C-alpha atoms as a PDB file:
ATOM      1  CA  MET A   1      12.270  61.505 -35.840  1.00  0.00           C
ATOM      2  CA  THR A   2      14.728  63.849 -34.132  1.00  0.00           C
ATOM      3  CA  SER A   3      18.141  62.656 -33.088  1.00  0.00           C
ATOM      4  CA  ARG A   4      17.191  63.058 -29.423  1.00  0.00           C
ATOM      5  CA  ALA A   5      14.192  60.756 -29.822  1.00  0.00           C
ATOM      6  CA  ALA A   6      16.280  58.211 -31.687  1.00  0.00           C
ATOM      7  CA  THR A   7      18.897  58.260 -28.948  1.00  0.00           C
ATOM      8  CA  GLY A   8      16.235  57.707 -26.260  1.00  0.00           C
ATOM      9  CA  LEU A   9      14.730  54.790 -28.146  1.00  0.00           C
ATOM     10  CA  LEU A  10      18.173  53.195 -28.520  1.00  0.00           C
ATOM     11  CA  GLU A  11      18.876  53.570 -24.813  1.00  0.00           C
ATOM     12  CA  ARG A  12      15.560  51.951 -23.917  1.00  0.00           C
ATOM     13  CA  ARG A  13      16.325  49.020 -26.196  1.00  0.00           C
ATOM     14  CA  ARG A  14      19.733  48.650 -24.599  1.00  0.00           C
ATOM     15  CA  SER A  15      18.112  48.783 -21.163  1.00  0.00           C
ATOM     16  CA  VAL A  16      15.635  46.039 -22.101  1.00  0.00           C
ATOM     17  CA  VAL A  17      18.378  43.844 -23.561  1.00  0.00           C
ATOM     18  CA  GLY A  18      20.533  44.405 -20.490  1.00  0.00           C
ATOM     19  CA  ALA A  19      17.686  43.470 -18.178  1.00  0.00           C
ATOM     20  CA  LYS A  20      17.124  40.226 -20.141  1.00  0.00           C
ATOM     21  CA  HIS A  21      20.821  39.363 -19.848  1.00  0.00           C
ATOM     22  CA  ARG A  22      20.773  40.069 -16.114  1.00  0.00           C
ATOM     23  CA  ARG A  23      17.734  37.824 -15.609  1.00  0.00           C
ATOM     24  CA  ARG A  24      19.410  35.056 -17.587  1.00  0.00           C
ATOM     25  CA  ARG A  25      22.566  35.381 -15.485  1.00  0.00           C
ATOM     26  CA  THR A  26      20.473  35.325 -12.309  1.00  0.00           C
ATOM     27  CA  VAL A  27      18.641  32.187 -13.420  1.00  0.00           C
ATOM     28  CA  LEU A  28      21.912  30.565 -14.475  1.00  0.00           C
ATOM     29  CA  LEU A  29      23.638  31.449 -11.216  1.00  0.00           C
ATOM     30  CA  ALA A  30      20.620  30.182  -9.242  1.00  0.00           C
ATOM     31  CA  GLY A  31      20.761  26.903 -11.175  1.00  0.00           C
ATOM     32  CA  VAL A  32      24.482  26.560 -10.532  1.00  0.00           C
ATOM     33  CA  ALA A  33      23.977  27.342  -6.851  1.00  0.00           C
ATOM     34  CA  GLY A  34      21.118  24.829  -6.625  1.00  0.00           C
ATOM     35  CA  ALA A  35      23.166  22.124  -8.315  1.00  0.00           C
ATOM     36  CA  ALA A  36      26.086  22.880  -6.022  1.00  0.00           C
ATOM     37  CA  GLY A  37      23.771  22.685  -3.024  1.00  0.00           C
ATOM     38  CA  LEU A  38      22.376  19.339  -4.148  1.00  0.00           C
ATOM     39  CA  ALA A  39      25.871  18.029  -4.784  1.00  0.00           C
ATOM     40  CA  GLY A  40      26.964  19.227  -1.369  1.00  0.00           C
ATOM     41  CA  SER A  41      23.956  17.615   0.298  1.00  0.00           C
ATOM     42  CA  TRP A  42      24.622  14.350  -1.548  1.00  0.00           C
ATOM     43  CA  TRP A  43      28.257  14.440  -0.477  1.00  0.00           C
ATOM     44  CA  VAL A  44      27.255  15.058   3.134  1.00  0.00           C
ATOM     45  CA  ALA A  45      24.654  12.286   3.031  1.00  0.00           C
ATOM     46  CA  THR A  46      26.832   9.700   1.288  1.00  0.00           C
ATOM     47  CA  GLY A  47      30.373  10.869   1.837  1.00  0.00           C
ATOM     48  CA  PRO A  48      32.815  10.315   4.675  1.00  0.00           C
ATOM     49  CA  LEU A  49      31.537  13.218   6.773  1.00  0.00           C
ATOM     50  CA  LEU A  50      28.553  11.161   8.040  1.00  0.00           C
ATOM     51  CA  GLY A  51      29.877   7.717   7.204  1.00  0.00           C
ATOM     52  CA  VAL A  52      29.518   4.910   9.756  1.00  0.00           C
ATOM     53  CA  THR A  53      32.812   4.541  11.591  1.00  0.00           C
ATOM     54  CA  HIS A  54      32.003   2.048  14.356  1.00  0.00           C
ATOM     55  CA  VAL A  55      29.433  -0.591  15.257  1.00  0.00           C
ATOM     56  CA  GLU A  56      28.201  -2.124  18.485  1.00  0.00           C
ATOM     57  CA  ILE A  57      26.529  -5.546  18.695  1.00  0.00           C
ATOM     58  CA  SER A  58      24.305  -6.880  21.451  1.00  0.00           C
ATOM     59  CA  GLY A  59      22.239  -9.988  22.031  1.00  0.00           C
ATOM     60  CA  TYR A  60      24.633 -12.492  20.448  1.00  0.00           C
ATOM     61  CA  ARG A  61      26.394 -14.999  22.715  1.00  0.00           C
ATOM     62  CA  GLN A  62      27.733 -17.672  20.380  1.00  0.00           C
ATOM     63  CA  ALA A  63      31.405 -18.532  19.935  1.00  0.00           C
ATOM     64  CA  ASP A  64      31.686 -16.881  16.504  1.00  0.00           C
ATOM     65  CA  GLN A  65      31.162 -13.329  17.781  1.00  0.00           C
ATOM     66  CA  ALA A  66      34.292 -12.105  15.995  1.00  0.00           C
ATOM     67  CA  LEU A  67      32.916 -13.354  12.668  1.00  0.00           C
ATOM     68  CA  ILE A  68      29.577 -11.666  13.351  1.00  0.00           C
ATOM     69  CA  MET A  69      31.330  -8.368  14.112  1.00  0.00           C
ATOM     70  CA  ARG A  70      33.350  -8.566  10.912  1.00  0.00           C
ATOM     71  CA  THR A  71      30.205  -9.377   8.941  1.00  0.00           C
ATOM     72  CA  VAL A  72      28.481  -6.250  10.271  1.00  0.00           C
ATOM     73  CA  GLN A  73      31.515  -4.050   9.591  1.00  0.00           C
ATOM     74  CA  ILE A  74      31.669  -5.159   5.968  1.00  0.00           C
ATOM     75  CA  ALA A  75      27.910  -4.805   5.437  1.00  0.00           C
ATOM     76  CA  ALA A  76      27.879  -1.329   7.029  1.00  0.00           C
ATOM     77  CA  HIS A  77      30.832  -0.026   5.016  1.00  0.00           C
ATOM     78  CA  ASP A  78      28.720   1.987   2.562  1.00  0.00           C
ATOM     79  CA  GLY A  79      26.158   3.189   5.095  1.00  0.00           C
ATOM     80  CA  THR A  80      25.852   6.670   6.566  1.00  0.00           C
ATOM     81  CA  MET A  81      24.087   8.175   9.534  1.00  0.00           C
ATOM     82  CA  LEU A  82      21.412   9.524   7.189  1.00  0.00           C
ATOM     83  CA  ARG A  83      21.095   6.254   5.296  1.00  0.00           C
ATOM     84  CA  LEU A  84      21.538   3.410   7.738  1.00  0.00           C
ATOM     85  CA  PRO A  85      22.712   0.128   6.164  1.00  0.00           C
ATOM     86  CA  THR A  86      19.785  -1.736   7.698  1.00  0.00           C
ATOM     87  CA  VAL A  87      18.971  -3.973   4.737  1.00  0.00           C
ATOM     88  CA  ALA A  88      22.608  -4.851   4.013  1.00  0.00           C
ATOM     89  CA  VAL A  89      23.339  -5.696   7.655  1.00  0.00           C
ATOM     90  CA  ARG A  90      20.170  -7.759   8.054  1.00  0.00           C
ATOM     91  CA  GLU A  91      20.727  -9.747   4.845  1.00  0.00           C
ATOM     92  CA  ALA A  92      24.348 -10.458   5.789  1.00  0.00           C
ATOM     93  CA  LEU A  93      23.542 -11.587   9.336  1.00  0.00           C
ATOM     94  CA  MET A  94      20.520 -13.721   8.465  1.00  0.00           C
ATOM     95  CA  ARG A  95      22.887 -16.085   6.642  1.00  0.00           C
ATOM     96  CA  HIS A  96      24.162 -17.180  10.065  1.00  0.00           C
ATOM     97  CA  PRO A  97      21.945 -19.923  11.545  1.00  0.00           C
ATOM     98  CA  TRP A  98      21.893 -18.555  15.105  1.00  0.00           C
ATOM     99  CA  VAL A  99      20.567 -15.167  13.942  1.00  0.00           C
ATOM    100  CA  ALA A 100      16.754 -15.108  14.001  1.00  0.00           C
ATOM    101  CA  GLY A 101      16.236 -11.348  13.791  1.00  0.00           C
ATOM    102  CA  VAL A 102      18.180  -8.072  13.449  1.00  0.00           C
ATOM    103  CA  GLU A 103      17.490  -4.484  14.529  1.00  0.00           C
ATOM    104  CA  VAL A 104      19.704  -1.558  13.465  1.00  0.00           C
ATOM    105  CA  HIS A 105      19.647   1.823  15.240  1.00  0.00           C
ATOM    106  CA  HIS A 106      21.651   5.075  15.269  1.00  0.00           C
ATOM    107  CA  ASN A 107      24.493   5.313  17.744  1.00  0.00           C
ATOM    108  CA  TRP A 108      25.480   8.965  17.408  1.00  0.00           C
ATOM    109  CA  PRO A 109      27.628  10.640  16.416  1.00  0.00           C
ATOM    110  CA  ARG A 110      28.874   8.169  13.786  1.00  0.00           C
ATOM    111  CA  GLY A 111      28.038   4.659  14.843  1.00  0.00           C
ATOM    112  CA  ILE A 112      25.284   2.074  14.612  1.00  0.00           C
ATOM    113  CA  ALA A 113      23.924  -0.276  17.254  1.00  0.00           C
ATOM    114  CA  VAL A 114      22.971  -3.730  16.007  1.00  0.00           C
ATOM    115  CA  LYS A 115      20.695  -5.845  18.200  1.00  0.00           C
ATOM    116  CA  ILE A 116      20.632  -9.521  17.283  1.00  0.00           C
ATOM    117  CA  ILE A 117      17.775 -11.803  18.277  1.00  0.00           C
ATOM    118  CA  GLU A 118      19.188 -15.285  18.712  1.00  0.00           C
ATOM    119  CA  ALA A 119      17.406 -18.383  17.482  1.00  0.00           C
ATOM    120  CA  THR A 120      15.873 -20.614  20.157  1.00  0.00           C
ATOM    121  CA  PRO A 121      16.706 -24.338  19.980  1.00  0.00           C
ATOM    122  CA  VAL A 122      13.637 -26.474  20.610  1.00  0.00           C
ATOM    123  CA  ALA A 123      14.707 -29.958  19.519  1.00  0.00           C
ATOM    124  CA  VAL A 124      17.694 -32.157  18.758  1.00  0.00           C
ATOM    125  CA  ALA A 125      17.853 -34.124  15.518  1.00  0.00           C
ATOM    126  CA  LEU A 126      19.742 -37.402  15.721  1.00  0.00           C
ATOM    127  CA  ALA A 127      21.361 -37.627  12.296  1.00  0.00           C
ATOM    128  CA  THR A 128      22.054 -40.987  10.683  1.00  0.00           C
ATOM    129  CA  ASP A 129      25.787 -40.246  10.841  1.00  0.00           C
ATOM    130  CA  GLY A 130      25.634 -40.027  14.644  1.00  0.00           C
ATOM    131  CA  ARG A 131      25.640 -36.253  15.062  1.00  0.00           C
ATOM    132  CA  ARG A 132      23.279 -34.417  17.396  1.00  0.00           C
ATOM    133  CA  LEU A 133      21.984 -31.314  15.623  1.00  0.00           C
ATOM    134  CA  LEU A 134      20.237 -28.464  17.408  1.00  0.00           C
ATOM    135  CA  ILE A 135      17.066 -27.331  15.613  1.00  0.00           C
ATOM    136  CA  SER A 136      15.564 -23.865  16.076  1.00  0.00           C
ATOM    137  CA  ASP A 137      11.893 -23.090  16.612  1.00  0.00           C
ATOM    138  CA  ALA A 138      11.783 -21.958  12.966  1.00  0.00           C
ATOM    139  CA  GLY A 139      12.996 -25.365  11.748  1.00  0.00           C
ATOM    140  CA  ARG A 140      16.616 -24.454  10.968  1.00  0.00           C
ATOM    141  CA  VAL A 141      19.726 -26.484  11.792  1.00  0.00           C
ATOM    142  CA  LEU A 142      21.779 -24.399  14.234  1.00  0.00           C
ATOM    143  CA  GLY A 143      24.803 -26.653  14.604  1.00  0.00           C
ATOM    144  CA  GLU A 144      26.029 -29.670  16.529  1.00  0.00           C
ATOM    145  CA  ASP A 145      24.974 -30.231  20.117  1.00  0.00           C
ATOM    146  CA  PHE A 146      28.153 -31.137  21.986  1.00  0.00           C
ATOM    147  CA  GLU A 147      26.671 -30.674  25.472  1.00  0.00           C
ATOM    148  CA  GLY A 148      23.832 -33.197  25.395  1.00  0.00           C
ATOM    149  CA  THR A 149      21.115 -30.547  25.677  1.00  0.00           C
ATOM    150  CA  GLU A 150      17.904 -31.723  27.368  1.00  0.00           C
ATOM    151  CA  LEU A 151      15.515 -31.226  24.464  1.00  0.00           C
ATOM    152  CA  PRO A 152      13.034 -33.478  22.627  1.00  0.00           C
ATOM    153  CA  THR A 153      14.820 -35.601  20.031  1.00  0.00           C
ATOM    154  CA  PHE A 154      13.926 -37.128  16.683  1.00  0.00           C
ATOM    155  CA  GLY A 155      15.780 -39.012  13.987  1.00  0.00           C
ATOM    156  CA  MET A 156      16.358 -37.691  10.484  1.00  0.00           C
ATOM    157  CA  PRO A 157      18.829 -37.893   7.595  1.00  0.00           C
ATOM    158  CA  GLY A 158      21.970 -35.800   8.063  1.00  0.00           C
ATOM    159  CA  SER A 159      22.022 -32.083   7.373  1.00  0.00           C
ATOM    160  CA  THR A 160      24.376 -29.115   7.671  1.00  0.00           C
ATOM    161  CA  PRO A 161      24.315 -26.021   9.934  1.00  0.00           C
ATOM    162  CA  GLY A 162      22.212 -23.272   8.413  1.00  0.00           C
ATOM    163  CA  ALA A 163      20.022 -25.630   6.392  1.00  0.00           C
ATOM    164  CA  TRP A 164      16.247 -25.599   6.789  1.00  0.00           C
ATOM    165  CA  LEU A 165      14.285 -28.754   7.500  1.00  0.00           C
ATOM    166  CA  ARG A 166      12.668 -29.870   4.264  1.00  0.00           C
ATOM    167  CA  GLY A 167      10.638 -32.859   3.165  1.00  0.00           C
ATOM    168  CA  PRO A 168       8.504 -35.224   5.262  1.00  0.00           C
ATOM    169  CA  ALA A 169      11.469 -37.103   6.777  1.00  0.00           C
ATOM    170  CA  GLN A 170      12.687 -33.906   8.435  1.00  0.00           C
ATOM    171  CA  ARG A 171       9.549 -31.797   8.832  1.00  0.00           C
ATOM    172  CA  ALA A 172       7.043 -34.381  10.067  1.00  0.00           C
ATOM    173  CA  PRO A 173       8.852 -35.465  13.285  1.00  0.00           C
ATOM    174  CA  PHE A 174       9.795 -31.854  14.016  1.00  0.00           C
ATOM    175  CA  GLU A 175       6.212 -30.625  13.669  1.00  0.00           C
ATOM    176  CA  PHE A 176       4.981 -33.447  15.895  1.00  0.00           C
ATOM    177  CA  LEU A 177       7.411 -32.621  18.709  1.00  0.00           C
ATOM    178  CA  THR A 178       6.968 -28.865  18.617  1.00  0.00           C
ATOM    179  CA  ALA A 179       3.157 -29.168  18.827  1.00  0.00           C
ATOM    180  CA  MET A 180       3.406 -30.294  22.463  1.00  0.00           C
ATOM    181  CA  ASN A 181       5.067 -28.874  25.532  1.00  0.00           C
ATOM    182  CA  PRO A 182       8.772 -29.772  25.938  1.00  0.00           C
ATOM    183  CA  GLU A 183       8.149 -31.978  28.976  1.00  0.00           C
ATOM    184  CA  VAL A 184       5.929 -34.309  26.968  1.00  0.00           C
ATOM    185  CA  GLY A 185       8.251 -34.031  23.985  1.00  0.00           C
ATOM    186  CA  ARG A 186      11.186 -35.269  26.065  1.00  0.00           C
ATOM    187  CA  SER A 187       9.256 -38.447  26.860  1.00  0.00           C
ATOM    188  CA  VAL A 188       9.149 -39.386  23.150  1.00  0.00           C
ATOM    189  CA  ARG A 189      11.914 -41.679  21.904  1.00  0.00           C
ATOM    190  CA  ASN A 190      12.986 -43.104  18.546  1.00  0.00           C
ATOM    191  CA  LEU A 191      10.780 -40.698  16.604  1.00  0.00           C
ATOM    192  CA  ARG A 192      11.334 -41.022  12.859  1.00  0.00           C
ATOM    193  CA  LEU A 193       9.725 -41.456   9.464  1.00  0.00           C
ATOM    194  CA  GLN A 194      10.372 -44.917   8.096  1.00  0.00           C
ATOM    195  CA  GLY A 195       8.624 -46.798   5.324  1.00  0.00           C
ATOM    196  CA  GLY A 196       6.173 -43.975   4.792  1.00  0.00           C
ATOM    197  CA  VAL A 197       4.893 -43.936   8.386  1.00  0.00           C
ATOM    198  CA  VAL A 198       5.982 -42.059  11.497  1.00  0.00           C
ATOM    199  CA  THR A 199       6.717 -44.166  14.564  1.00  0.00           C
ATOM    200  CA  ALA A 200       8.004 -43.527  18.076  1.00  0.00           C
ATOM    201  CA  GLU A 201       7.613 -44.756  21.629  1.00  0.00           C
ATOM    202  CA  LEU A 202       7.025 -43.246  25.038  1.00  0.00           C
ATOM    203  CA  VAL A 203       9.475 -43.634  27.887  1.00  0.00           C
ATOM    204  CA  ASP A 204       7.918 -46.284  30.157  1.00  0.00           C
ATOM    205  CA  GLY A 205       4.949 -46.318  27.823  1.00  0.00           C
ATOM    206  CA  PRO A 206       3.581 -47.840  24.642  1.00  0.00           C
ATOM    207  CA  GLU A 207       4.705 -47.622  21.047  1.00  0.00           C
ATOM    208  CA  LEU A 208       3.318 -44.610  19.183  1.00  0.00           C
ATOM    209  CA  ARG A 209       1.771 -45.307  15.808  1.00  0.00           C
ATOM    210  CA  LEU A 210       1.427 -41.972  14.028  1.00  0.00           C
ATOM    211  CA  GLY A 211       0.580 -43.124  10.521  1.00  0.00           C
ATOM    212  CA  PRO A 212       1.551 -41.086   7.434  1.00  0.00           C
ATOM    213  CA  PRO A 213       3.467 -37.786   7.822  1.00  0.00           C
ATOM    214  CA  THR A 214       0.347 -35.621   7.726  1.00  0.00           C
ATOM    215  CA  LEU A 215      -1.576 -33.694  10.419  1.00  0.00           C
ATOM    216  CA  MET A 216       1.512 -33.922  12.612  1.00  0.00           C
ATOM    217  CA  TRP A 217       0.622 -30.863  14.658  1.00  0.00           C
ATOM    218  CA  ALA A 218      -2.788 -32.346  15.517  1.00  0.00           C
ATOM    219  CA  LYS A 219      -1.182 -35.681  16.408  1.00  0.00           C
ATOM    220  CA  GLY A 220       1.252 -33.947  18.728  1.00  0.00           C
ATOM    221  CA  ARG A 221      -1.561 -32.104  20.454  1.00  0.00           C
ATOM    222  CA  ALA A 222      -3.494 -35.350  20.777  1.00  0.00           C
ATOM    223  CA  LEU A 223      -0.562 -37.069  22.498  1.00  0.00           C
ATOM    224  CA  GLU A 224      -0.181 -34.160  24.896  1.00  0.00           C
ATOM    225  CA  ALA A 225      -3.867 -34.407  25.776  1.00  0.00           C
ATOM    226  CA  VAL A 226      -3.626 -38.161  26.409  1.00  0.00           C
ATOM    227  CA  VAL A 227      -0.485 -37.894  28.546  1.00  0.00           C
ATOM    228  CA  GLY A 228      -1.904 -34.983  30.521  1.00  0.00           C
ATOM    229  CA  ASN A 229      -5.330 -36.532  31.096  1.00  0.00           C
ATOM    230  CA  PRO A 230      -5.659 -37.266  34.849  1.00  0.00           C
ATOM    231  CA  GLU A 231      -8.870 -39.248  34.279  1.00  0.00           C
ATOM    232  CA  LEU A 232      -7.370 -41.668  31.792  1.00  0.00           C
ATOM    233  CA  GLU A 233      -8.878 -45.093  32.495  1.00  0.00           C
ATOM    234  CA  THR A 234      -6.156 -47.076  30.714  1.00  0.00           C
ATOM    235  CA  PRO A 235      -2.651 -46.631  32.188  1.00  0.00           C
ATOM    236  CA  LEU A 236      -0.169 -45.818  29.445  1.00  0.00           C
ATOM    237  CA  GLY A 237       2.111 -48.652  30.545  1.00  0.00           C
ATOM    238  CA  MET A 238      -0.555 -51.343  30.058  1.00  0.00           C
ATOM    239  CA  ALA A 239      -1.068 -50.982  26.310  1.00  0.00           C
ATOM    240  CA  GLU A 240       1.314 -52.207  23.655  1.00  0.00           C
ATOM    241  CA  TYR A 241       0.677 -49.207  21.420  1.00  0.00           C
ATOM    242  CA  LEU A 242      -1.171 -45.906  21.153  1.00  0.00           C
ATOM    243  CA  ASP A 243      -2.500 -45.226  17.674  1.00  0.00           C
ATOM    244  CA  LEU A 244      -2.639 -41.498  16.836  1.00  0.00           C
ATOM    245  CA  SER A 245      -3.001 -41.850  13.084  1.00  0.00           C
ATOM    246  CA  ALA A 246      -6.500 -40.390  13.496  1.00  0.00           C
ATOM    247  CA  PRO A 247      -5.710 -37.566  15.945  1.00  0.00           C
ATOM    248  CA  THR A 248      -9.345 -36.888  16.841  1.00  0.00           C
ATOM    249  CA  GLN A 249      -9.749 -40.487  18.054  1.00  0.00           C
ATOM    250  CA  PRO A 250      -6.586 -41.890  19.698  1.00  0.00           C
ATOM    251  CA  THR A 251      -6.778 -45.636  20.295  1.00  0.00           C
ATOM    252  CA  PHE A 252      -4.950 -47.963  22.716  1.00  0.00           C
ATOM    253  CA  GLY A 253      -4.214 -51.496  21.564  1.00  0.00           C
ATOM    254  CA  GLY A 254      -2.355 -54.713  22.346  1.00  0.00           C
ATOM    255  CA  PHE A 255      -3.493 -55.242  25.942  1.00  0.00           C
ATOM    256  CA  PRO A 256      -2.243 -58.297  27.915  1.00  0.00           C
ATOM    257  CA  ALA A 257      -4.273 -61.495  27.628  1.00  0.00           C
ATOM    258  CA  ASP A 258      -5.650 -61.222  31.147  1.00  0.00           C
ATOM    259  CA  GLU A 259      -7.182 -57.888  30.175  1.00  0.00           C
ATOM    260  CA  GLY A 260      -9.102 -59.529  27.370  1.00  0.00           C
ATOM    261  CA  ASP A 261      -6.763 -58.314  24.633  1.00  0.00           C
ATOM    262  CA  VAL A 262      -9.373 -55.749  23.666  1.00  0.00           C
ATOM    263  CA  ASP A 263      -8.469 -52.502  21.981  1.00  0.00           C
ATOM    264  CA  GLY A 264      -9.690 -49.328  23.641  1.00  0.00           C
ATOM    265  CA  THR A 265     -10.684 -46.126  21.872  1.00  0.00           C
ATOM    266  CA  ILE A 266     -10.421 -42.788  23.633  1.00  0.00           C
ATOM    267  CA  GLU A 267     -13.236 -40.480  22.647  1.00  0.00           C
ATOM    268  CA  GLY A 268     -11.947 -37.207  21.235  1.00  0.00           C
ATOM    269  CA  SER A 269     -13.344 -33.795  20.442  1.00  0.00           C
ATOM    270  CA  THR A 270     -13.592 -32.378  16.933  1.00  0.00           C
ATOM    271  CA  GLU A 271     -10.447 -30.339  17.626  1.00  0.00           C
ATOM    272  CA  GLY A 272      -8.292 -33.365  18.268  1.00  0.00           C
ATOM    273  CA  GLN A 273      -8.230 -33.036  22.071  1.00  0.00           C
ATOM    274  CA  PRO A 274      -8.895 -36.600  23.332  1.00  0.00           C
ATOM    275  CA  SER A 275     -10.750 -37.266  26.520  1.00  0.00           C
ATOM    276  CA  THR A 276     -12.058 -40.245  28.371  1.00  0.00           C
END
């Protein structure tokens, strides 16, 4: 092999080796650039550049609005405009009894708008310690009723704001009242579970015998049907009691002696809607 050929072969080898090194440097630089880009994107997404700096709250009208605002600010502290703190805000707010639902939206450039859906009180629980407790439509204790709200009432053992109604003594009367329209519900008095049976009475009407704390929704619907029946042959004020323990067949009883003291059964449909 001549010296010229050897020199050419050496140069080609050097060229190949150089090209390999250049490709490696290109790949390495591309990897570094990609990692830097990912790090930059992560910083933008999670860093202070797009961090949530202010919040707005709507839909909440209770007296503890300042506490609600502070709760949202703390929960939204780690959120960004690309990663809204929806779950954190919702979980924090749902601990408050008057909050029934939460929606979180962007409020550009660097804020969030929080819409709160307030709980709706549907009944008042008369606790054994004398307190009047507002109960939401979901069966949660909202707080004390200091204004004498015109809502259906029932008696139950004491509870605390934020607690959920649990057990027959709390759930059964609540389910009975909320099965009917509020107007009928307001005519029910002294509703409670006592001695394993639910009892109550109608304003200017008979005692209500509701039996065990089961099928309370059906019993409530049955009472509404009886009260709202314009063709009812037996005036509610004449009977001593109205037995709804079998909601598909409500029964009047305890009539005055001059009426023969005969019990009267109201025929009912299979769905628990009584009729004459």
